[in-house]
N, C-alpha and C. Protein backbone atom coordinates (compact mmCIF):
# COMPACT_ATOMS: atom_id res chain seq x y z
N MET A 1 78.53 82.26 72.03
CA MET A 1 78.60 83.60 72.59
C MET A 1 79.68 83.69 73.68
N GLY A 2 80.35 82.59 73.99
CA GLY A 2 81.41 82.63 74.97
C GLY A 2 80.96 82.54 76.41
N ILE A 3 79.68 82.28 76.62
CA ILE A 3 79.16 82.17 77.98
C ILE A 3 79.38 80.75 78.48
N LYS A 4 79.92 80.64 79.69
CA LYS A 4 80.14 79.32 80.28
C LYS A 4 79.38 79.22 81.59
N PRO A 5 78.63 78.14 81.77
CA PRO A 5 77.92 77.99 83.05
C PRO A 5 78.92 77.70 84.17
N CYS A 6 78.59 78.15 85.35
CA CYS A 6 79.47 77.89 86.50
C CYS A 6 78.60 77.67 87.73
N CYS A 7 79.23 77.17 88.77
CA CYS A 7 78.51 76.90 90.00
C CYS A 7 79.09 77.76 91.12
N PHE A 8 78.61 77.54 92.34
CA PHE A 8 79.07 78.31 93.47
C PHE A 8 80.57 78.12 93.70
N LEU A 9 81.12 77.00 93.26
CA LEU A 9 82.55 76.76 93.39
C LEU A 9 83.36 77.85 92.68
N ALA A 10 82.83 78.38 91.59
CA ALA A 10 83.52 79.45 90.87
C ALA A 10 83.67 80.68 91.76
N LEU A 11 82.68 80.97 92.59
CA LEU A 11 82.78 82.09 93.52
C LEU A 11 83.83 81.81 94.58
N ASP A 12 83.90 80.57 95.08
CA ASP A 12 84.95 80.21 96.04
C ASP A 12 86.33 80.36 95.42
N MET A 13 86.47 79.99 94.15
CA MET A 13 87.75 80.13 93.47
C MET A 13 88.15 81.60 93.42
N LEU A 14 87.23 82.43 93.04
CA LEU A 14 87.51 83.86 92.95
C LEU A 14 87.85 84.42 94.33
N ARG A 15 87.08 84.06 95.34
CA ARG A 15 87.30 84.66 96.65
C ARG A 15 88.60 84.20 97.29
N VAL A 16 89.00 82.94 97.08
CA VAL A 16 90.26 82.47 97.66
C VAL A 16 91.44 83.09 96.90
N GLU A 17 91.42 83.03 95.58
CA GLU A 17 92.53 83.57 94.80
C GLU A 17 92.70 85.08 95.02
N SER A 18 91.59 85.79 95.22
CA SER A 18 91.64 87.25 95.36
C SER A 18 91.52 87.74 96.78
N SER A 19 91.35 86.84 97.74
CA SER A 19 91.23 87.18 99.16
C SER A 19 89.99 88.04 99.44
N LEU A 20 88.86 87.54 99.03
CA LEU A 20 87.59 88.21 99.31
C LEU A 20 86.93 87.48 100.48
N LEU A 21 86.78 88.17 101.59
CA LEU A 21 86.22 87.55 102.79
C LEU A 21 84.70 87.57 102.74
N PHE A 22 84.09 86.55 103.31
CA PHE A 22 82.64 86.45 103.40
C PHE A 22 82.22 86.49 104.87
N PHE A 23 81.11 87.19 105.12
CA PHE A 23 80.50 87.17 106.44
C PHE A 23 79.38 86.15 106.37
N PRO A 24 79.26 85.23 107.29
CA PRO A 24 80.08 85.03 108.49
C PRO A 24 81.17 83.99 108.30
N ASP A 25 81.36 83.49 107.08
CA ASP A 25 82.24 82.33 106.86
C ASP A 25 83.67 82.50 107.37
N ASP A 26 84.21 83.70 107.31
CA ASP A 26 85.60 83.91 107.70
C ASP A 26 85.78 84.56 109.06
N ASN A 27 84.68 84.82 109.76
CA ASN A 27 84.87 85.54 111.02
C ASN A 27 84.41 84.74 112.23
N SER A 28 84.43 85.36 113.36
CA SER A 28 84.18 84.65 114.62
C SER A 28 82.72 84.28 114.84
N GLU A 29 81.84 84.64 113.93
CA GLU A 29 80.46 84.14 114.01
C GLU A 29 80.46 82.63 113.78
N VAL A 30 81.35 82.17 112.91
CA VAL A 30 81.47 80.74 112.62
C VAL A 30 82.60 80.13 113.45
N TYR A 31 83.74 80.81 113.51
CA TYR A 31 84.91 80.30 114.24
C TYR A 31 85.05 81.10 115.53
N SER A 32 84.27 80.72 116.50
CA SER A 32 84.15 81.51 117.72
C SER A 32 85.38 81.38 118.62
N PHE A 33 85.55 82.37 119.46
CA PHE A 33 86.61 82.36 120.46
C PHE A 33 86.13 81.58 121.66
N GLU A 34 87.05 80.97 122.37
CA GLU A 34 86.69 80.14 123.50
C GLU A 34 86.04 80.93 124.64
N ASN A 35 86.60 82.08 124.99
CA ASN A 35 86.10 82.83 126.14
C ASN A 35 85.72 84.27 125.80
N GLU A 36 85.40 84.53 124.55
CA GLU A 36 85.06 85.89 124.13
C GLU A 36 83.85 85.86 123.20
N PRO A 37 83.08 86.95 123.19
CA PRO A 37 81.97 87.00 122.23
C PRO A 37 82.49 87.18 120.81
N ALA A 38 81.65 86.88 119.84
CA ALA A 38 82.03 87.05 118.43
C ALA A 38 82.31 88.52 118.16
N GLY A 39 83.16 88.75 117.24
CA GLY A 39 83.51 90.11 116.83
C GLY A 39 84.98 90.18 116.47
N ASP A 40 85.27 90.64 115.27
CA ASP A 40 86.63 90.72 114.77
C ASP A 40 86.96 92.17 114.45
N THR A 41 88.23 92.52 114.54
CA THR A 41 88.64 93.87 114.19
C THR A 41 89.10 93.92 112.75
N LEU A 42 89.14 95.11 112.20
CA LEU A 42 89.65 95.28 110.84
C LEU A 42 91.12 94.88 110.77
N TRP A 43 91.86 95.05 111.86
CA TRP A 43 93.27 94.66 111.93
C TRP A 43 93.39 93.14 111.77
N GLU A 44 92.51 92.40 112.42
CA GLU A 44 92.55 90.94 112.37
C GLU A 44 92.17 90.41 110.99
N LEU A 45 91.21 91.06 110.37
CA LEU A 45 90.71 90.61 109.08
C LEU A 45 91.56 91.10 107.90
N GLY A 46 92.56 91.93 108.19
CA GLY A 46 93.38 92.47 107.12
C GLY A 46 92.65 93.53 106.32
N LEU A 47 91.65 94.16 106.94
CA LEU A 47 90.86 95.17 106.26
C LEU A 47 91.14 96.58 106.79
N ASP A 48 92.24 96.73 107.52
CA ASP A 48 92.57 98.04 108.08
C ASP A 48 92.81 99.09 107.00
N PHE A 49 93.13 98.65 105.78
CA PHE A 49 93.32 99.60 104.68
C PHE A 49 92.05 100.37 104.35
N THR A 50 90.91 99.89 104.82
CA THR A 50 89.64 100.56 104.52
C THR A 50 89.42 101.81 105.35
N VAL A 51 90.28 102.04 106.35
CA VAL A 51 90.18 103.23 107.19
C VAL A 51 91.43 104.07 106.97
N SER A 52 91.23 105.32 106.57
CA SER A 52 92.35 106.22 106.37
C SER A 52 93.07 106.46 107.68
N LYS A 53 94.40 106.41 107.66
CA LYS A 53 95.20 106.65 108.87
C LYS A 53 95.01 108.07 109.37
N ASP A 54 94.64 108.99 108.47
CA ASP A 54 94.47 110.39 108.85
C ASP A 54 93.08 110.70 109.38
N LYS A 55 92.13 109.77 109.19
CA LYS A 55 90.77 109.99 109.68
C LYS A 55 90.66 109.45 111.10
N THR A 56 90.42 110.32 112.03
CA THR A 56 90.30 109.89 113.43
C THR A 56 88.98 110.32 114.04
N GLU A 57 88.19 111.06 113.31
CA GLU A 57 86.93 111.57 113.84
C GLU A 57 85.75 110.84 113.21
N PHE A 58 85.58 109.58 113.56
CA PHE A 58 84.41 108.84 113.13
C PHE A 58 83.96 107.97 114.29
N ARG A 59 82.72 107.56 114.26
CA ARG A 59 82.18 106.71 115.31
C ARG A 59 82.98 105.40 115.37
N GLY A 60 83.51 105.10 116.53
CA GLY A 60 84.29 103.89 116.70
C GLY A 60 85.78 104.08 116.47
N ALA A 61 86.22 105.29 116.12
CA ALA A 61 87.63 105.53 115.81
C ALA A 61 88.54 105.21 117.00
N ALA A 62 88.16 105.65 118.18
CA ALA A 62 89.00 105.42 119.36
C ALA A 62 89.21 103.92 119.59
N GLU A 63 88.13 103.15 119.47
CA GLU A 63 88.23 101.70 119.68
C GLU A 63 89.03 101.04 118.56
N HIS A 64 88.79 101.48 117.34
CA HIS A 64 89.54 100.93 116.20
C HIS A 64 91.04 101.10 116.41
N PHE A 65 91.48 102.31 116.71
CA PHE A 65 92.92 102.55 116.86
C PHE A 65 93.47 101.96 118.16
N ARG A 66 92.64 101.83 119.19
CA ARG A 66 93.08 101.20 120.44
C ARG A 66 93.44 99.73 120.22
N LEU A 67 92.73 99.08 119.31
CA LEU A 67 92.94 97.65 119.07
C LEU A 67 94.08 97.34 118.11
N GLN A 68 94.69 98.36 117.51
CA GLN A 68 95.83 98.13 116.63
C GLN A 68 96.96 97.48 117.41
N GLY A 69 97.51 96.39 116.86
CA GLY A 69 98.60 95.67 117.52
C GLY A 69 98.13 94.68 118.57
N LYS A 70 96.80 94.56 118.75
CA LYS A 70 96.26 93.63 119.75
C LYS A 70 95.46 92.51 119.08
N GLU A 71 95.89 92.12 117.88
CA GLU A 71 95.18 91.09 117.13
C GLU A 71 95.23 89.76 117.85
N ARG A 72 94.08 89.09 117.89
CA ARG A 72 93.99 87.75 118.48
C ARG A 72 94.27 86.69 117.42
N PHE A 73 94.12 87.03 116.15
CA PHE A 73 94.37 86.14 115.02
C PHE A 73 94.63 87.01 113.82
N LYS A 74 95.03 86.40 112.71
CA LYS A 74 95.19 87.10 111.45
C LYS A 74 94.62 86.23 110.33
N ILE A 75 93.95 86.87 109.40
CA ILE A 75 93.54 86.18 108.18
C ILE A 75 94.77 86.12 107.28
N PHE A 76 95.09 84.91 106.79
CA PHE A 76 96.29 84.72 105.97
C PHE A 76 96.02 83.56 105.04
N GLY A 77 96.85 83.39 104.05
CA GLY A 77 96.67 82.32 103.08
C GLY A 77 97.43 81.06 103.43
N VAL A 78 97.03 79.96 102.80
CA VAL A 78 97.71 78.67 102.94
C VAL A 78 97.87 78.09 101.55
N LEU A 79 99.08 77.67 101.23
CA LEU A 79 99.36 76.99 99.98
C LEU A 79 99.66 75.54 100.32
N LEU A 80 98.81 74.62 99.87
CA LEU A 80 98.89 73.21 100.24
C LEU A 80 99.65 72.40 99.20
N GLU A 81 100.31 71.35 99.66
CA GLU A 81 100.94 70.39 98.76
C GLU A 81 99.84 69.54 98.13
N GLY A 82 100.02 69.17 96.87
CA GLY A 82 99.08 68.28 96.21
C GLY A 82 98.00 69.00 95.45
N ASP A 83 97.09 68.19 94.92
CA ASP A 83 96.03 68.75 94.07
C ASP A 83 94.64 68.55 94.65
N SER A 84 94.56 68.34 95.96
CA SER A 84 93.26 68.21 96.62
C SER A 84 92.99 69.45 97.46
N ALA A 85 91.76 69.86 97.47
CA ALA A 85 91.36 71.01 98.30
C ALA A 85 91.07 70.55 99.72
N ALA A 86 91.45 71.36 100.67
CA ALA A 86 91.09 71.11 102.07
C ALA A 86 89.61 71.46 102.24
N ALA A 87 89.09 71.27 103.42
CA ALA A 87 87.70 71.62 103.72
C ALA A 87 87.67 72.71 104.78
N ALA A 88 86.63 73.51 104.75
CA ALA A 88 86.45 74.50 105.81
C ALA A 88 86.43 73.78 107.15
N GLY A 89 87.18 74.29 108.10
CA GLY A 89 87.26 73.67 109.42
C GLY A 89 88.47 72.78 109.61
N ASP A 90 89.17 72.44 108.52
CA ASP A 90 90.43 71.70 108.67
C ASP A 90 91.39 72.56 109.48
N THR A 91 92.20 71.93 110.31
CA THR A 91 93.08 72.68 111.19
C THR A 91 94.50 72.75 110.65
N LEU A 92 95.21 73.78 111.08
CA LEU A 92 96.59 73.99 110.70
C LEU A 92 97.46 73.79 111.93
N TRP A 93 98.57 73.07 111.75
CA TRP A 93 99.44 72.71 112.86
C TRP A 93 100.88 73.10 112.55
N ALA A 94 101.59 73.53 113.59
CA ALA A 94 103.02 73.82 113.50
C ALA A 94 103.60 73.69 114.90
N ASP A 95 104.81 73.24 114.98
CA ASP A 95 105.50 73.09 116.28
C ASP A 95 104.69 72.26 117.27
N GLY A 96 103.96 71.26 116.74
CA GLY A 96 103.20 70.36 117.60
C GLY A 96 101.92 70.93 118.18
N LYS A 97 101.47 72.09 117.70
CA LYS A 97 100.23 72.66 118.22
C LYS A 97 99.36 73.22 117.11
N GLU A 98 98.08 73.31 117.39
CA GLU A 98 97.15 73.88 116.43
C GLU A 98 97.37 75.39 116.36
N VAL A 99 97.55 75.91 115.13
CA VAL A 99 97.85 77.33 114.96
C VAL A 99 96.87 78.04 114.02
N GLY A 100 95.83 77.33 113.57
CA GLY A 100 94.89 77.98 112.69
C GLY A 100 93.80 77.06 112.20
N VAL A 101 92.87 77.66 111.47
CA VAL A 101 91.76 76.90 110.90
C VAL A 101 91.46 77.45 109.50
N ILE A 102 91.23 76.54 108.58
CA ILE A 102 90.89 76.93 107.21
C ILE A 102 89.42 77.33 107.15
N THR A 103 89.16 78.48 106.52
CA THR A 103 87.78 78.94 106.39
C THR A 103 87.21 78.69 105.00
N CYS A 104 88.07 78.70 103.98
CA CYS A 104 87.62 78.41 102.62
C CYS A 104 88.83 77.93 101.82
N ALA A 105 88.65 76.84 101.09
CA ALA A 105 89.76 76.27 100.32
C ALA A 105 89.28 75.84 98.95
N MET A 106 90.23 75.75 98.03
CA MET A 106 89.91 75.29 96.69
C MET A 106 91.18 74.90 95.95
N TYR A 107 91.01 74.10 94.92
CA TYR A 107 92.10 73.79 94.01
C TYR A 107 91.92 74.68 92.80
N SER A 108 92.95 75.42 92.44
CA SER A 108 92.87 76.35 91.33
C SER A 108 93.28 75.67 90.02
N PRO A 109 92.34 75.50 89.10
CA PRO A 109 92.72 74.96 87.80
C PRO A 109 93.57 75.96 87.00
N LEU A 110 93.50 77.21 87.37
CA LEU A 110 94.27 78.25 86.69
C LEU A 110 95.76 78.15 87.05
N THR A 111 96.05 78.03 88.36
CA THR A 111 97.45 77.99 88.81
C THR A 111 97.94 76.57 89.09
N LYS A 112 97.01 75.61 89.08
CA LYS A 112 97.32 74.21 89.40
C LYS A 112 97.86 74.07 90.82
N LYS A 113 97.28 74.85 91.74
CA LYS A 113 97.70 74.80 93.15
C LYS A 113 96.47 74.72 94.05
N SER A 114 96.67 74.07 95.20
CA SER A 114 95.63 74.01 96.22
C SER A 114 95.90 75.13 97.21
N MET A 115 94.90 75.95 97.49
CA MET A 115 95.08 77.13 98.34
C MET A 115 93.88 77.34 99.23
N ALA A 116 94.08 78.17 100.26
CA ALA A 116 92.99 78.40 101.22
C ALA A 116 93.17 79.74 101.92
N ILE A 117 92.06 80.24 102.43
CA ILE A 117 92.04 81.36 103.37
C ILE A 117 91.92 80.72 104.75
N ALA A 118 92.65 81.26 105.72
CA ALA A 118 92.61 80.68 107.07
C ALA A 118 92.72 81.77 108.14
N ARG A 119 92.30 81.39 109.33
CA ARG A 119 92.48 82.22 110.53
C ARG A 119 93.69 81.64 111.27
N PHE A 120 94.72 82.45 111.44
CA PHE A 120 96.00 82.01 112.00
C PHE A 120 96.26 82.64 113.36
N ASP A 121 96.98 81.92 114.21
CA ASP A 121 97.62 82.56 115.35
C ASP A 121 98.56 83.59 114.75
N VAL A 122 98.62 84.76 115.33
CA VAL A 122 99.39 85.87 114.77
C VAL A 122 100.84 85.48 114.47
N ALA A 123 101.49 84.77 115.36
CA ALA A 123 102.91 84.42 115.18
C ALA A 123 103.16 83.53 113.97
N TYR A 124 102.15 82.84 113.47
CA TYR A 124 102.34 81.92 112.34
C TYR A 124 101.86 82.50 111.02
N ALA A 125 101.33 83.70 111.03
CA ALA A 125 100.89 84.36 109.80
C ALA A 125 102.08 85.06 109.15
N GLU A 126 103.05 84.25 108.73
CA GLU A 126 104.29 84.73 108.11
C GLU A 126 104.53 83.96 106.83
N GLN A 127 104.84 84.68 105.77
CA GLN A 127 105.10 84.05 104.47
C GLN A 127 106.10 82.91 104.62
N GLY A 128 105.71 81.72 104.13
CA GLY A 128 106.60 80.57 104.10
C GLY A 128 106.64 79.73 105.36
N ALA A 129 105.92 80.12 106.41
CA ALA A 129 105.93 79.33 107.64
C ALA A 129 105.43 77.91 107.33
N PRO A 130 106.18 76.87 107.72
CA PRO A 130 105.77 75.49 107.42
C PRO A 130 104.58 75.07 108.29
N LEU A 131 103.66 74.33 107.68
CA LEU A 131 102.42 73.91 108.34
C LEU A 131 102.09 72.47 107.98
N GLU A 132 101.23 71.89 108.78
CA GLU A 132 100.59 70.62 108.45
C GLU A 132 99.08 70.87 108.48
N VAL A 133 98.38 70.32 107.51
CA VAL A 133 96.92 70.41 107.46
C VAL A 133 96.36 69.09 107.96
N LYS A 134 95.38 69.16 108.88
CA LYS A 134 94.75 67.95 109.40
C LYS A 134 93.24 68.12 109.35
N GLY A 135 92.57 67.07 108.97
CA GLY A 135 91.10 67.09 108.89
C GLY A 135 90.64 66.24 107.75
N SER A 136 90.04 66.87 106.74
CA SER A 136 89.54 66.12 105.59
C SER A 136 90.68 65.50 104.79
N LEU A 137 91.87 66.04 104.92
CA LEU A 137 93.08 65.48 104.33
C LEU A 137 94.25 65.81 105.24
N SER A 138 95.32 65.10 105.08
CA SER A 138 96.55 65.36 105.84
C SER A 138 97.65 65.64 104.83
N THR A 139 98.20 66.84 104.88
CA THR A 139 99.24 67.23 103.94
C THR A 139 100.07 68.35 104.52
N SER A 140 101.21 68.59 103.93
CA SER A 140 102.03 69.72 104.35
C SER A 140 101.60 70.96 103.55
N ALA A 141 101.95 72.11 104.09
CA ALA A 141 101.56 73.37 103.48
C ALA A 141 102.50 74.46 103.98
N ILE A 142 102.34 75.65 103.42
CA ILE A 142 103.04 76.82 103.93
C ILE A 142 102.05 77.96 104.07
N ALA A 143 102.34 78.85 104.99
CA ALA A 143 101.57 80.09 105.10
C ALA A 143 101.93 80.96 103.90
N HIS A 144 100.94 81.65 103.35
CA HIS A 144 101.16 82.44 102.14
C HIS A 144 100.40 83.75 102.23
N SER A 145 101.04 84.83 101.86
CA SER A 145 100.39 86.13 101.90
C SER A 145 99.21 86.17 100.92
N LEU A 146 98.28 87.05 101.20
CA LEU A 146 97.10 87.23 100.36
C LEU A 146 97.19 88.59 99.69
N PRO A 147 96.59 88.74 98.52
CA PRO A 147 95.90 87.73 97.74
C PRO A 147 96.88 86.84 96.99
N PHE A 148 96.41 85.67 96.62
CA PHE A 148 97.22 84.76 95.82
C PHE A 148 97.37 85.29 94.40
N ASP A 149 96.28 85.81 93.85
CA ASP A 149 96.27 86.27 92.47
C ASP A 149 96.42 87.78 92.40
N ASP A 150 97.35 88.25 91.61
CA ASP A 150 97.57 89.66 91.31
C ASP A 150 97.79 90.52 92.56
N PRO A 151 98.75 90.16 93.41
CA PRO A 151 98.99 90.95 94.62
C PRO A 151 99.44 92.38 94.32
N GLU A 152 100.05 92.60 93.16
CA GLU A 152 100.50 93.94 92.80
C GLU A 152 99.40 94.76 92.12
N LYS A 153 98.22 94.14 91.92
CA LYS A 153 97.08 94.81 91.27
C LYS A 153 97.45 95.33 89.88
N LYS A 154 98.11 94.48 89.09
CA LYS A 154 98.52 94.87 87.75
C LYS A 154 97.54 94.44 86.67
N LYS A 155 96.66 93.49 87.00
CA LYS A 155 95.67 93.06 86.01
C LYS A 155 94.61 94.14 85.89
N ARG A 156 94.16 94.30 84.68
CA ARG A 156 93.10 95.28 84.43
C ARG A 156 92.04 94.64 83.57
N THR A 157 90.83 95.04 83.78
CA THR A 157 89.75 94.52 82.94
C THR A 157 89.28 95.59 81.95
N VAL A 158 89.66 96.84 82.16
CA VAL A 158 89.26 97.92 81.28
C VAL A 158 90.51 98.49 80.63
N LYS A 159 90.45 98.70 79.35
CA LYS A 159 91.58 99.27 78.61
C LYS A 159 91.24 100.70 78.24
N ASP A 160 92.22 101.57 78.40
CA ASP A 160 92.02 102.99 78.01
C ASP A 160 92.12 103.16 76.52
């Protein structure tokens, strides 16, 4: 019948390739700030597209728009060298300093690439920025825009 069993890893593959964030795995509930309470903005999570730029009359609108451009971090992708997946909590380094943390990683059998979602210092969330991964493995990597799979949204599951 074409049915294939899968495990929770299949969900991680989908969420990393498609940039689907999980609460609390990708936010400050798990990766807390040193001197601030937990709480992330839509700007930081890359979810600002969920609020219409023309809608300004909703609860929290003033705070939402006040925080634009004041991101403390950015959710961004990481493309790793090799065929091993990093682990959640592995750190990202550039210019001799820690610049991010991986929140979810996987090796894609579809693309034959190791990739991850990470929380980045804003300055390093740039396509192609060179990185080093340290933790469960040590390897080089680059910052990569999200989503990894179908960024132009050209794939369709329904045919007219």
